[in-house]
Amino acid sequence: MFTDRVIIKFSAGKGGNGVVAWRREKYIPKGGPVGGNGGKGGSVILRTEVELPSLESLRNHRIMRAEDGRQGGSSMMAGRKGKDLVVTVPAGTLVKEVKTGRVLYDLTENGQEIILCRGGFGGLGNHCFKTPTNQAPSLCTPGKPGQEKEIELELKLIADVGLVGFPNAGKSTFLSAVSFVPVKIGAYPFTTLKPNLAVINQDYETLLLADIPGIIEGASQNRGLGLEFLRHIERTSMLLFILDSSGWEGRKPWDDLEVLQKELHAYDPTLLSKPSLILLNKMDREEAPLLAKEFHQIYPNLEVLEISAAEKTGLQEVLNRLFYIAKQKK
């Protein structure tokens, strides 16, 4: 399953209690205080892993706790520190405070670590309270509680190329054809219910492609899959519009492009400022050449390539162009 949003209550460990203890040795009738301090509670640490595809491993967690510190011992022995809880999340994860909605961290780099909740300090043993006027204190303190936070983790995919198109436009077929990644393909809407990722290699360069589930009219108002997946386009470096040129269900590719651009603009106007490339797919279908000719007449100044993902024609030209655009952005 693909999970890109979870809400979890994280709790750092409580510090261990300090203790009251006395030195007891033969011939030393008045041994001094030797109660040790409690150990510090474990902290909650978030660490990013670029190869982790989603937040699926955290889907069934509601509360996650670090280990408490142990109480101190005699002979001024400090208690053991509680183990930190290290939670691995994908690169591209937003860390939000549920109560306020405030973004606390934006974790975009591989191996990035942040301390989300700090463990509580251990309590003091009675040896800490010895003074010239009080040689035998019977006082110790409890450990401090660790920090607690209710957090929403939201994943926004980080990819070089975001595939954008209507359901059944052929995005999954295209991704499978250029990357050999097995994805679910079918002749009905919403075949893709989760983003698919693929790495493309060419001339010692790599591109990460993200197949975003189909966008429909009203997606920016959360119609269909809507906002659940529109946010995954935000972090892509370039957009690849894949249009169905077969005339399926009476749709025209120029109408589809207009709707896609309108929905992207309504969600975030800056999305349309990204470098983009338009593919007219399904050129092997009977009506496709005529519709493609009309599309070129309507949009004479757009960069448009014609392909058939199913027949695997025109794909190399697309990859060459994507790698060229990527190099220009560096």
C-alpha atoms as a PDB file:
ATOM      1  CA  MET A   1       0.000   0.000   0.000  1.00  0.00           C
ATOM      2  CA  PHE A   2       1.011   3.622  -0.457  1.00  0.00           C
ATOM      3  CA  THR A   3       0.561   5.789   2.618  1.00  0.00           C
ATOM      4  CA  ASP A   4       1.469   9.471   2.424  1.00  0.00           C
ATOM      5  CA  ARG A   5      -0.157  10.847   5.597  1.00  0.00           C
ATOM      6  CA  VAL A   6      -0.194   9.566   9.188  1.00  0.00           C
ATOM      7  CA  ILE A   7      -0.953  11.116  12.586  1.00  0.00           C
ATOM      8  CA  ILE A   8       1.041   9.779  15.529  1.00  0.00           C
ATOM      9  CA  LYS A   9       1.530  10.827  19.144  1.00  0.00           C
ATOM     10  CA  PHE A  10       5.249  10.690  19.905  1.00  0.00           C
ATOM     11  CA  SER A  11       6.466  10.554  23.496  1.00  0.00           C
ATOM     12  CA  ALA A  12      10.055  10.826  24.664  1.00  0.00           C
ATOM     13  CA  GLY A  13      11.109   8.732  27.656  1.00  0.00           C
ATOM     14  CA  LYS A  14      10.750   9.888  31.265  1.00  0.00           C
ATOM     15  CA  GLY A  15      13.952  10.434  33.197  1.00  0.00           C
ATOM     16  CA  GLY A  16      14.774   7.886  35.859  1.00  0.00           C
ATOM     17  CA  ASN A  17      14.310   8.799  39.513  1.00  0.00           C
ATOM     18  CA  GLY A  18      17.174   9.720  41.770  1.00  0.00           C
ATOM     19  CA  VAL A  19      17.536   7.576  44.901  1.00  0.00           C
ATOM     20  CA  VAL A  20      18.400   7.944  48.554  1.00  0.00           C
ATOM     21  CA  ALA A  21      21.242   5.621  49.585  1.00  0.00           C
ATOM     22  CA  TRP A  22      23.912   5.571  52.272  1.00  0.00           C
ATOM     23  CA  ARG A  23      27.450   4.381  52.414  1.00  0.00           C
ATOM     24  CA  ARG A  24      27.536   1.256  54.581  1.00  0.00           C
ATOM     25  CA  GLU A  25      30.995  -0.076  55.436  1.00  0.00           C
ATOM     26  CA  LYS A  26      32.480  -1.750  58.485  1.00  0.00           C
ATOM     27  CA  TYR A  27      34.103   0.635  60.949  1.00  0.00           C
ATOM     28  CA  ILE A  28      32.482   3.639  59.219  1.00  0.00           C
ATOM     29  CA  PRO A  29      29.413   4.277  61.386  1.00  0.00           C
ATOM     30  CA  LYS A  30      28.403   7.502  59.690  1.00  0.00           C
ATOM     31  CA  GLY A  31      28.696   6.815  55.962  1.00  0.00           C
ATOM     32  CA  GLY A  32      27.670   9.678  53.734  1.00  0.00           C
ATOM     33  CA  PRO A  33      24.928   9.924  51.063  1.00  0.00           C
ATOM     34  CA  VAL A  34      25.691   7.884  47.899  1.00  0.00           C
ATOM     35  CA  GLY A  35      22.347   7.852  46.089  1.00  0.00           C
ATOM     36  CA  GLY A  36      22.864   8.011  42.314  1.00  0.00           C
ATOM     37  CA  ASN A  37      21.105  10.126  39.697  1.00  0.00           C
ATOM     38  CA  GLY A  38      18.471   8.727  37.366  1.00  0.00           C
ATOM     39  CA  GLY A  39      19.249   8.169  33.696  1.00  0.00           C
ATOM     40  CA  LYS A  40      17.975  10.512  31.006  1.00  0.00           C
ATOM     41  CA  GLY A  41      14.919   9.398  29.054  1.00  0.00           C
ATOM     42  CA  GLY A  42      15.317   8.405  25.425  1.00  0.00           C
ATOM     43  CA  SER A  43      14.519  10.971  22.730  1.00  0.00           C
ATOM     44  CA  VAL A  44      12.384  10.565  19.593  1.00  0.00           C
ATOM     45  CA  ILE A  45      14.482  11.061  16.473  1.00  0.00           C
ATOM     46  CA  LEU A  46      13.244  11.258  12.879  1.00  0.00           C
ATOM     47  CA  ARG A  47      15.709  10.130  10.201  1.00  0.00           C
ATOM     48  CA  THR A  48      15.124  10.306   6.438  1.00  0.00           C
ATOM     49  CA  GLU A  49      15.802   7.488   4.003  1.00  0.00           C
ATOM     50  CA  VAL A  50      15.626   8.340   0.300  1.00  0.00           C
ATOM     51  CA  GLU A  51      14.868   4.743  -0.725  1.00  0.00           C
ATOM     52  CA  LEU A  52      11.818   4.504   1.519  1.00  0.00           C
ATOM     53  CA  PRO A  53       8.807   4.884  -0.830  1.00  0.00           C
ATOM     54  CA  SER A  54       6.070   5.868   1.613  1.00  0.00           C
ATOM     55  CA  LEU A  55       4.913   6.114   5.230  1.00  0.00           C
ATOM     56  CA  GLU A  56       3.367   2.653   5.063  1.00  0.00           C
ATOM     57  CA  SER A  57       5.520   1.270   7.913  1.00  0.00           C
ATOM     58  CA  LEU A  58       3.905   3.823  10.264  1.00  0.00           C
ATOM     59  CA  ARG A  59       0.320   3.381   9.095  1.00  0.00           C
ATOM     60  CA  ASN A  60      -0.867   1.296  12.054  1.00  0.00           C
ATOM     61  CA  HIS A  61       0.923   3.260  14.761  1.00  0.00           C
ATOM     62  CA  ARG A  62      -1.018   5.731  16.905  1.00  0.00           C
ATOM     63  CA  ILE A  63       1.402   6.156  19.828  1.00  0.00           C
ATOM     64  CA  MET A  64       5.173   5.698  19.714  1.00  0.00           C
ATOM     65  CA  ARG A  65       7.336   6.019  22.833  1.00  0.00           C
ATOM     66  CA  ALA A  66      11.030   6.142  23.524  1.00  0.00           C
ATOM     67  CA  GLU A  67      12.390   4.194  26.488  1.00  0.00           C
ATOM     68  CA  ASP A  68      12.341   5.633  30.013  1.00  0.00           C
ATOM     69  CA  GLY A  69      15.588   6.188  31.873  1.00  0.00           C
ATOM     70  CA  ARG A  70      16.394   3.846  34.762  1.00  0.00           C
ATOM     71  CA  GLN A  71      16.556   5.000  38.340  1.00  0.00           C
ATOM     72  CA  GLY A  72      19.883   5.627  40.001  1.00  0.00           C
ATOM     73  CA  GLY A  73      21.668   3.124  42.213  1.00  0.00           C
ATOM     74  CA  SER A  74      23.780   3.111  45.340  1.00  0.00           C
ATOM     75  CA  SER A  75      27.475   4.020  45.394  1.00  0.00           C
ATOM     76  CA  MET A  76      26.520   7.083  43.318  1.00  0.00           C
ATOM     77  CA  MET A  77      25.814   4.909  40.282  1.00  0.00           C
ATOM     78  CA  ALA A  78      23.769   6.718  37.639  1.00  0.00           C
ATOM     79  CA  GLY A  79      20.824   4.968  36.086  1.00  0.00           C
ATOM     80  CA  ARG A  80      21.015   3.757  32.492  1.00  0.00           C
ATOM     81  CA  LYS A  81      19.903   6.202  29.802  1.00  0.00           C
ATOM     82  CA  GLY A  82      16.727   5.232  27.978  1.00  0.00           C
ATOM     83  CA  LYS A  83      17.120   4.099  24.367  1.00  0.00           C
ATOM     84  CA  ASP A  84      16.257   6.677  21.710  1.00  0.00           C
ATOM     85  CA  LEU A  85      13.379   5.887  19.387  1.00  0.00           C
ATOM     86  CA  VAL A  86      14.634   6.360  15.816  1.00  0.00           C
ATOM     87  CA  VAL A  87      11.778   6.591  13.292  1.00  0.00           C
ATOM     88  CA  THR A  88      12.696   6.327   9.612  1.00  0.00           C
ATOM     89  CA  VAL A  89      10.647   8.405   7.163  1.00  0.00           C
ATOM     90  CA  PRO A  90      10.961   9.038   3.393  1.00  0.00           C
ATOM     91  CA  ALA A  91      12.834  12.065   2.115  1.00  0.00           C
ATOM     92  CA  GLY A  92      10.207  14.704   1.313  1.00  0.00           C
ATOM     93  CA  THR A  93       8.292  14.327   4.588  1.00  0.00           C
ATOM     94  CA  LEU A  94       6.674  17.369   6.190  1.00  0.00           C
ATOM     95  CA  VAL A  95       6.451  17.287   9.987  1.00  0.00           C
ATOM     96  CA  LYS A  96       3.380  19.204  11.204  1.00  0.00           C
ATOM     97  CA  GLU A  97       1.991  19.939  14.639  1.00  0.00           C
ATOM     98  CA  VAL A  98      -1.567  18.595  14.654  1.00  0.00           C
ATOM     99  CA  LYS A  99      -2.950  21.132  17.131  1.00  0.00           C
ATOM    100  CA  THR A 100      -1.783  24.237  15.255  1.00  0.00           C
ATOM    101  CA  GLY A 101      -1.108  22.904  11.740  1.00  0.00           C
ATOM    102  CA  ARG A 102       2.325  24.548  11.907  1.00  0.00           C
ATOM    103  CA  VAL A 103       5.104  22.958   9.849  1.00  0.00           C
ATOM    104  CA  LEU A 104       7.930  22.119  12.241  1.00  0.00           C
ATOM    105  CA  TYR A 105      10.362  20.530   9.788  1.00  0.00           C
ATOM    106  CA  ASP A 106      10.649  19.884   6.059  1.00  0.00           C
ATOM    107  CA  LEU A 107      12.848  16.813   5.641  1.00  0.00           C
ATOM    108  CA  THR A 108      14.119  16.784   2.059  1.00  0.00           C
ATOM    109  CA  GLU A 109      17.663  15.380   2.255  1.00  0.00           C
ATOM    110  CA  ASN A 110      18.752  11.769   2.610  1.00  0.00           C
ATOM    111  CA  GLY A 111      20.083  10.902   6.070  1.00  0.00           C
ATOM    112  CA  GLN A 112      18.697  14.071   7.642  1.00  0.00           C
ATOM    113  CA  GLU A 113      18.040  13.750  11.381  1.00  0.00           C
ATOM    114  CA  ILE A 114      16.039  15.876  13.789  1.00  0.00           C
ATOM    115  CA  ILE A 115      15.234  15.425  17.475  1.00  0.00           C
ATOM    116  CA  LEU A 116      11.460  15.645  17.564  1.00  0.00           C
ATOM    117  CA  CYS A 117      10.928  15.048  21.304  1.00  0.00           C
ATOM    118  CA  ARG A 118      13.697  15.308  23.890  1.00  0.00           C
ATOM    119  CA  GLY A 119      13.887  12.820  26.720  1.00  0.00           C
ATOM    120  CA  GLY A 120      13.329  13.971  30.287  1.00  0.00           C
ATOM    121  CA  PHE A 121      16.295  14.596  32.583  1.00  0.00           C
ATOM    122  CA  GLY A 122      17.007  12.087  35.316  1.00  0.00           C
ATOM    123  CA  GLY A 123      16.293  12.957  38.924  1.00  0.00           C
ATOM    124  CA  LEU A 124      19.064  13.760  41.403  1.00  0.00           C
ATOM    125  CA  GLY A 125      20.237  11.329  44.054  1.00  0.00           C
ATOM    126  CA  ASN A 126      20.758  12.409  47.637  1.00  0.00           C
ATOM    127  CA  HIS A 127      24.540  12.773  47.163  1.00  0.00           C
ATOM    128  CA  CYS A 128      23.805  15.938  45.138  1.00  0.00           C
ATOM    129  CA  PHE A 129      22.232  17.612  48.154  1.00  0.00           C
ATOM    130  CA  LYS A 130      25.096  17.193  50.601  1.00  0.00           C
ATOM    131  CA  THR A 131      26.244  20.545  52.011  1.00  0.00           C
ATOM    132  CA  PRO A 132      28.571  21.612  54.840  1.00  0.00           C
ATOM    133  CA  THR A 133      25.545  22.145  57.034  1.00  0.00           C
ATOM    134  CA  ASN A 134      23.616  19.053  55.891  1.00  0.00           C
ATOM    135  CA  GLN A 135      25.924  16.058  55.724  1.00  0.00           C
ATOM    136  CA  ALA A 136      23.140  13.460  55.560  1.00  0.00           C
ATOM    137  CA  PRO A 137      20.361  14.685  53.277  1.00  0.00           C
ATOM    138  CA  SER A 138      17.422  12.351  52.780  1.00  0.00           C
ATOM    139  CA  LEU A 139      16.323  14.149  49.658  1.00  0.00           C
ATOM    140  CA  CYS A 140      16.151  12.981  46.043  1.00  0.00           C
ATOM    141  CA  THR A 141      14.129  14.148  43.037  1.00  0.00           C
ATOM    142  CA  PRO A 142      12.000  12.273  40.489  1.00  0.00           C
ATOM    143  CA  GLY A 143      12.868  12.157  36.825  1.00  0.00           C
ATOM    144  CA  LYS A 144      11.375  14.746  34.501  1.00  0.00           C
ATOM    145  CA  PRO A 145       8.784  13.698  31.915  1.00  0.00           C
ATOM    146  CA  GLY A 146       9.866  13.636  28.294  1.00  0.00           C
ATOM    147  CA  GLN A 147       8.342  15.854  25.627  1.00  0.00           C
ATOM    148  CA  GLU A 148       5.125  14.742  23.917  1.00  0.00           C
ATOM    149  CA  LYS A 149       3.864  15.884  20.541  1.00  0.00           C
ATOM    150  CA  GLU A 150       0.974  14.844  18.336  1.00  0.00           C
ATOM    151  CA  ILE A 151       2.430  15.002  14.852  1.00  0.00           C
ATOM    152  CA  GLU A 152       1.126  14.710  11.309  1.00  0.00           C
ATOM    153  CA  LEU A 153       3.662  13.310   8.871  1.00  0.00           C
ATOM    154  CA  GLU A 154       2.839  14.226   5.275  1.00  0.00           C
ATOM    155  CA  LEU A 155       4.847  12.950   2.344  1.00  0.00           C
ATOM    156  CA  LYS A 156       5.411  14.984  -0.811  1.00  0.00           C
ATOM    157  CA  LEU A 157       7.325  12.967  -3.353  1.00  0.00           C
ATOM    158  CA  ILE A 158      10.648  14.316  -4.574  1.00  0.00           C
ATOM    159  CA  ALA A 159      11.097  13.457  -8.246  1.00  0.00           C
ATOM    160  CA  ASP A 160      12.744  14.953 -11.323  1.00  0.00           C
ATOM    161  CA  VAL A 161       9.724  14.417 -13.588  1.00  0.00           C
ATOM    162  CA  GLY A 162       6.049  14.338 -12.644  1.00  0.00           C
ATOM    163  CA  LEU A 163       3.718  12.562 -15.082  1.00  0.00           C
ATOM    164  CA  VAL A 164       0.434  14.477 -15.313  1.00  0.00           C
ATOM    165  CA  GLY A 165      -2.639  13.413 -17.207  1.00  0.00           C
ATOM    166  CA  PHE A 166      -6.242  12.288 -17.128  1.00  0.00           C
ATOM    167  CA  PRO A 167      -7.103   8.790 -15.906  1.00  0.00           C
ATOM    168  CA  ASN A 168      -6.433   6.237 -18.646  1.00  0.00           C
ATOM    169  CA  ALA A 169      -4.212   8.615 -20.646  1.00  0.00           C
ATOM    170  CA  GLY A 170      -1.416   6.048 -20.625  1.00  0.00           C
ATOM    171  CA  LYS A 171       0.865   7.356 -17.895  1.00  0.00           C
ATOM    172  CA  SER A 172       1.378   3.949 -16.280  1.00  0.00           C
ATOM    173  CA  THR A 173       1.955   2.343 -19.679  1.00  0.00           C
ATOM    174  CA  PHE A 174       4.550   4.989 -20.482  1.00  0.00           C
ATOM    175  CA  LEU A 175       6.315   4.507 -17.137  1.00  0.00           C
ATOM    176  CA  SER A 176       6.364   0.742 -17.573  1.00  0.00           C
ATOM    177  CA  ALA A 177       7.657   1.020 -21.152  1.00  0.00           C
ATOM    178  CA  VAL A 178      10.618   3.290 -20.323  1.00  0.00           C
ATOM    179  CA  SER A 179      11.617   1.753 -17.007  1.00  0.00           C
ATOM    180  CA  PHE A 180      10.466  -1.877 -16.973  1.00  0.00           C
ATOM    181  CA  VAL A 181       8.674  -1.184 -13.699  1.00  0.00           C
ATOM    182  CA  PRO A 182       5.624  -3.457 -13.334  1.00  0.00           C
ATOM    183  CA  VAL A 183       2.595  -1.245 -12.740  1.00  0.00           C
ATOM    184  CA  LYS A 184      -1.121  -1.918 -12.876  1.00  0.00           C
ATOM    185  CA  ILE A 185      -2.514  -1.074 -16.306  1.00  0.00           C
ATOM    186  CA  GLY A 186      -6.114  -1.269 -17.461  1.00  0.00           C
ATOM    187  CA  ALA A 187      -8.596   0.354 -19.837  1.00  0.00           C
ATOM    188  CA  TYR A 188     -10.652   2.054 -17.149  1.00  0.00           C
ATOM    189  CA  PRO A 189     -10.306   5.224 -15.072  1.00  0.00           C
ATOM    190  CA  PHE A 190      -8.301   5.372 -11.848  1.00  0.00           C
ATOM    191  CA  THR A 191      -6.263   2.261 -12.532  1.00  0.00           C
ATOM    192  CA  THR A 192      -3.436   3.974 -10.641  1.00  0.00           C
ATOM    193  CA  LEU A 193      -4.466   4.636  -7.056  1.00  0.00           C
ATOM    194  CA  LYS A 194      -0.993   5.436  -5.774  1.00  0.00           C
ATOM    195  CA  PRO A 195       2.054   7.218  -7.211  1.00  0.00           C
ATOM    196  CA  ASN A 196       4.534   4.931  -8.937  1.00  0.00           C
ATOM    197  CA  LEU A 197       8.234   5.776  -9.017  1.00  0.00           C
ATOM    198  CA  ALA A 198      10.853   4.700 -11.534  1.00  0.00           C
ATOM    199  CA  VAL A 199      14.517   5.490 -12.099  1.00  0.00           C
ATOM    200  CA  ILE A 200      15.666   6.017 -15.701  1.00  0.00           C
ATOM    201  CA  ASN A 201      19.361   5.700 -16.583  1.00  0.00           C
ATOM    202  CA  GLN A 202      20.990   7.125 -19.707  1.00  0.00           C
ATOM    203  CA  ASP A 203      24.625   8.069 -20.412  1.00  0.00           C
ATOM    204  CA  TYR A 204      25.566   7.815 -16.725  1.00  0.00           C
ATOM    205  CA  GLU A 205      22.748  10.197 -15.788  1.00  0.00           C
ATOM    206  CA  THR A 206      19.616   9.290 -13.848  1.00  0.00           C
ATOM    207  CA  LEU A 207      16.101  10.691 -13.650  1.00  0.00           C
ATOM    208  CA  LEU A 208      13.423   9.832 -11.105  1.00  0.00           C
ATOM    209  CA  LEU A 209       9.946   9.732 -12.643  1.00  0.00           C
ATOM    210  CA  ALA A 210       6.729   9.859 -10.600  1.00  0.00           C
ATOM    211  CA  ASP A 211       3.449   8.695 -12.109  1.00  0.00           C
ATOM    212  CA  ILE A 212       0.820  10.810 -10.331  1.00  0.00           C
ATOM    213  CA  PRO A 213      -2.692   9.254 -10.249  1.00  0.00           C
ATOM    214  CA  GLY A 214      -5.038  10.739 -12.829  1.00  0.00           C
ATOM    215  CA  ILE A 215      -6.267  14.289 -12.385  1.00  0.00           C
ATOM    216  CA  ILE A 216      -9.840  15.155 -13.329  1.00  0.00           C
ATOM    217  CA  GLU A 217     -11.770  18.388 -13.543  1.00  0.00           C
ATOM    218  CA  GLY A 218     -12.355  19.674 -10.018  1.00  0.00           C
ATOM    219  CA  ALA A 219      -9.257  17.969  -8.590  1.00  0.00           C
ATOM    220  CA  SER A 220      -8.123  21.238  -6.998  1.00  0.00           C
ATOM    221  CA  GLN A 221     -11.395  21.166  -5.020  1.00  0.00           C
ATOM    222  CA  ASN A 222     -10.592  17.578  -3.970  1.00  0.00           C
ATOM    223  CA  ARG A 223     -12.829  15.888  -6.544  1.00  0.00           C
ATOM    224  CA  GLY A 224     -11.784  12.372  -7.456  1.00  0.00           C
ATOM    225  CA  LEU A 225      -8.362  11.681  -5.946  1.00  0.00           C
ATOM    226  CA  GLY A 226      -7.852  15.443  -5.859  1.00  0.00           C
ATOM    227  CA  LEU A 227      -5.690  16.933  -3.164  1.00  0.00           C
ATOM    228  CA  GLU A 228      -4.519  13.511  -2.014  1.00  0.00           C
ATOM    229  CA  PHE A 229      -2.088  13.431  -4.924  1.00  0.00           C
ATOM    230  CA  LEU A 230      -1.851  16.953  -6.342  1.00  0.00           C
ATOM    231  CA  ARG A 231       0.673  17.796  -3.629  1.00  0.00           C
ATOM    232  CA  HIS A 232       3.092  15.210  -5.020  1.00  0.00           C
ATOM    233  CA  ILE A 233       3.585  17.406  -8.094  1.00  0.00           C
ATOM    234  CA  GLU A 234       4.887  20.314  -6.003  1.00  0.00           C
ATOM    235  CA  ARG A 235       8.441  19.005  -5.564  1.00  0.00           C
ATOM    236  CA  THR A 236       8.990  17.731  -9.120  1.00  0.00           C
ATOM    237  CA  SER A 237      11.522  19.621 -11.243  1.00  0.00           C
ATOM    238  CA  MET A 238       9.590  19.304 -14.502  1.00  0.00           C
ATOM    239  CA  LEU A 239       6.167  18.191 -15.718  1.00  0.00           C
ATOM    240  CA  LEU A 240       5.382  15.678 -18.426  1.00  0.00           C
ATOM    241  CA  PHE A 241       1.815  16.091 -19.690  1.00  0.00           C
ATOM    242  CA  ILE A 242       0.544  12.857 -21.237  1.00  0.00           C
ATOM    243  CA  LEU A 243      -2.582  13.321 -23.341  1.00  0.00           C
ATOM    244  CA  ASP A 244      -4.836  10.726 -24.912  1.00  0.00           C
ATOM    245  CA  SER A 245      -4.943  11.491 -28.663  1.00  0.00           C
ATOM    246  CA  SER A 246      -7.260   8.600 -29.526  1.00  0.00           C
ATOM    247  CA  GLY A 247     -10.512  10.504 -29.000  1.00  0.00           C
ATOM    248  CA  TRP A 248     -11.583   7.989 -26.317  1.00  0.00           C
ATOM    249  CA  GLU A 249     -15.049   8.794 -24.949  1.00  0.00           C
ATOM    250  CA  GLY A 250     -15.210  11.782 -27.311  1.00  0.00           C
ATOM    251  CA  ARG A 251     -12.477  13.649 -25.413  1.00  0.00           C
ATOM    252  CA  LYS A 252     -10.092  15.931 -27.300  1.00  0.00           C
ATOM    253  CA  PRO A 253      -6.443  16.263 -26.237  1.00  0.00           C
ATOM    254  CA  TRP A 254      -6.548  20.081 -26.300  1.00  0.00           C
ATOM    255  CA  ASP A 255      -9.536  20.072 -23.949  1.00  0.00           C
ATOM    256  CA  ASP A 256      -7.704  17.715 -21.591  1.00  0.00           C
ATOM    257  CA  LEU A 257      -4.633  19.955 -21.585  1.00  0.00           C
ATOM    258  CA  GLU A 258      -6.737  22.998 -20.778  1.00  0.00           C
ATOM    259  CA  VAL A 259      -8.397  21.223 -17.818  1.00  0.00           C
ATOM    260  CA  LEU A 260      -5.070  19.927 -16.493  1.00  0.00           C
ATOM    261  CA  GLN A 261      -3.464  23.355 -16.641  1.00  0.00           C
ATOM    262  CA  LYS A 262      -6.507  24.956 -15.012  1.00  0.00           C
ATOM    263  CA  GLU A 263      -6.463  22.470 -12.107  1.00  0.00           C
ATOM    264  CA  LEU A 264      -2.724  22.853 -11.552  1.00  0.00           C
ATOM    265  CA  HIS A 265      -3.043  26.633 -11.582  1.00  0.00           C
ATOM    266  CA  ALA A 266      -5.954  26.511  -9.107  1.00  0.00           C
ATOM    267  CA  TYR A 267      -3.942  24.326  -6.738  1.00  0.00           C
ATOM    268  CA  ASP A 268      -0.652  26.236  -7.047  1.00  0.00           C
ATOM    269  CA  PRO A 269       0.000  28.788  -9.835  1.00  0.00           C
ATOM    270  CA  THR A 270       3.776  28.253  -9.607  1.00  0.00           C
ATOM    271  CA  LEU A 271       3.404  24.695 -10.914  1.00  0.00           C
ATOM    272  CA  LEU A 272       2.906  25.946 -14.472  1.00  0.00           C
ATOM    273  CA  SER A 273       6.220  27.814 -14.334  1.00  0.00           C
ATOM    274  CA  LYS A 274       8.107  24.513 -14.237  1.00  0.00           C
ATOM    275  CA  PRO A 275       9.723  23.227 -17.473  1.00  0.00           C
ATOM    276  CA  SER A 276       7.267  20.969 -19.238  1.00  0.00           C
ATOM    277  CA  LEU A 277       6.878  18.658 -22.197  1.00  0.00           C
ATOM    278  CA  ILE A 278       3.644  17.480 -23.831  1.00  0.00           C
ATOM    279  CA  LEU A 279       3.163  13.968 -25.162  1.00  0.00           C
ATOM    280  CA  LEU A 280       0.359  12.963 -27.492  1.00  0.00           C
ATOM    281  CA  ASN A 281      -0.050   9.302 -26.616  1.00  0.00           C
ATOM    282  CA  LYS A 282      -1.875   6.424 -28.336  1.00  0.00           C
ATOM    283  CA  MET A 283      -0.766   7.530 -31.813  1.00  0.00           C
ATOM    284  CA  ASP A 284      -1.357   3.947 -32.956  1.00  0.00           C
ATOM    285  CA  ARG A 285      -5.145   4.493 -32.733  1.00  0.00           C
ATOM    286  CA  GLU A 286      -7.201   5.279 -35.850  1.00  0.00           C
ATOM    287  CA  GLU A 287      -8.324   8.839 -35.006  1.00  0.00           C
ATOM    288  CA  ALA A 288      -5.048   9.892 -33.384  1.00  0.00           C
ATOM    289  CA  PRO A 289      -3.219  11.373 -36.437  1.00  0.00           C
ATOM    290  CA  LEU A 290      -6.135  13.682 -37.287  1.00  0.00           C
ATOM    291  CA  LEU A 291      -6.533  14.862 -33.680  1.00  0.00           C
ATOM    292  CA  ALA A 292      -2.762  15.339 -33.350  1.00  0.00           C
ATOM    293  CA  LYS A 293      -2.719  17.520 -36.478  1.00  0.00           C
ATOM    294  CA  GLU A 294      -5.508  19.670 -35.062  1.00  0.00           C
ATOM    295  CA  PHE A 295      -3.687  19.891 -31.714  1.00  0.00           C
ATOM    296  CA  HIS A 296      -0.564  21.272 -33.429  1.00  0.00           C
ATOM    297  CA  GLN A 297      -2.703  23.873 -35.162  1.00  0.00           C
ATOM    298  CA  ILE A 298      -4.268  25.002 -31.857  1.00  0.00           C
ATOM    299  CA  TYR A 299      -0.926  25.042 -30.004  1.00  0.00           C
ATOM    300  CA  PRO A 300       1.703  25.828 -32.632  1.00  0.00           C
ATOM    301  CA  ASN A 301       4.239  27.147 -30.114  1.00  0.00           C
ATOM    302  CA  LEU A 302       4.199  24.290 -27.605  1.00  0.00           C
ATOM    303  CA  GLU A 303       6.819  21.556 -27.557  1.00  0.00           C
ATOM    304  CA  VAL A 304       4.830  18.434 -28.403  1.00  0.00           C
ATOM    305  CA  LEU A 305       6.036  14.879 -29.099  1.00  0.00           C
ATOM    306  CA  GLU A 306       3.937  12.052 -30.495  1.00  0.00           C
ATOM    307  CA  ILE A 307       4.262   8.564 -29.017  1.00  0.00           C
ATOM    308  CA  SER A 308       2.577   5.244 -28.560  1.00  0.00           C
ATOM    309  CA  ALA A 309       3.489   3.898 -25.142  1.00  0.00           C
ATOM    310  CA  ALA A 310       1.733   0.618 -25.892  1.00  0.00           C
ATOM    311  CA  GLU A 311       3.719   0.119 -29.132  1.00  0.00           C
ATOM    312  CA  LYS A 312       6.870   1.672 -27.562  1.00  0.00           C
ATOM    313  CA  THR A 313       7.326   4.140 -30.411  1.00  0.00           C
ATOM    314  CA  GLY A 314       8.782   7.618 -29.958  1.00  0.00           C
ATOM    315  CA  LEU A 315       9.966   6.901 -26.416  1.00  0.00           C
ATOM    316  CA  GLN A 316      13.691   7.403 -26.977  1.00  0.00           C
ATOM    317  CA  GLU A 317      13.111  10.912 -28.295  1.00  0.00           C
ATOM    318  CA  VAL A 318      11.133  11.694 -25.148  1.00  0.00           C
ATOM    319  CA  LEU A 319      13.908  10.416 -22.876  1.00  0.00           C
ATOM    320  CA  ASN A 320      16.542  12.365 -24.802  1.00  0.00           C
ATOM    321  CA  ARG A 321      14.509  15.529 -24.368  1.00  0.00           C
ATOM    322  CA  LEU A 322      13.896  14.933 -20.639  1.00  0.00           C
ATOM    323  CA  PHE A 323      17.587  14.403 -19.951  1.00  0.00           C
ATOM    324  CA  TYR A 324      18.431  17.519 -21.955  1.00  0.00           C
ATOM    325  CA  ILE A 325      15.964  19.639 -19.955  1.00  0.00           C
ATOM    326  CA  ALA A 326      17.342  18.194 -16.721  1.00  0.00           C
ATOM    327  CA  LYS A 327      20.895  19.145 -17.693  1.00  0.00           C
ATOM    328  CA  GLN A 328      19.818  22.685 -18.547  1.00  0.00           C
ATOM    329  CA  LYS A 329      18.396  23.114 -15.037  1.00  0.00           C
ATOM    330  CA  LYS A 330      21.656  22.110 -13.317  1.00  0.00           C
END
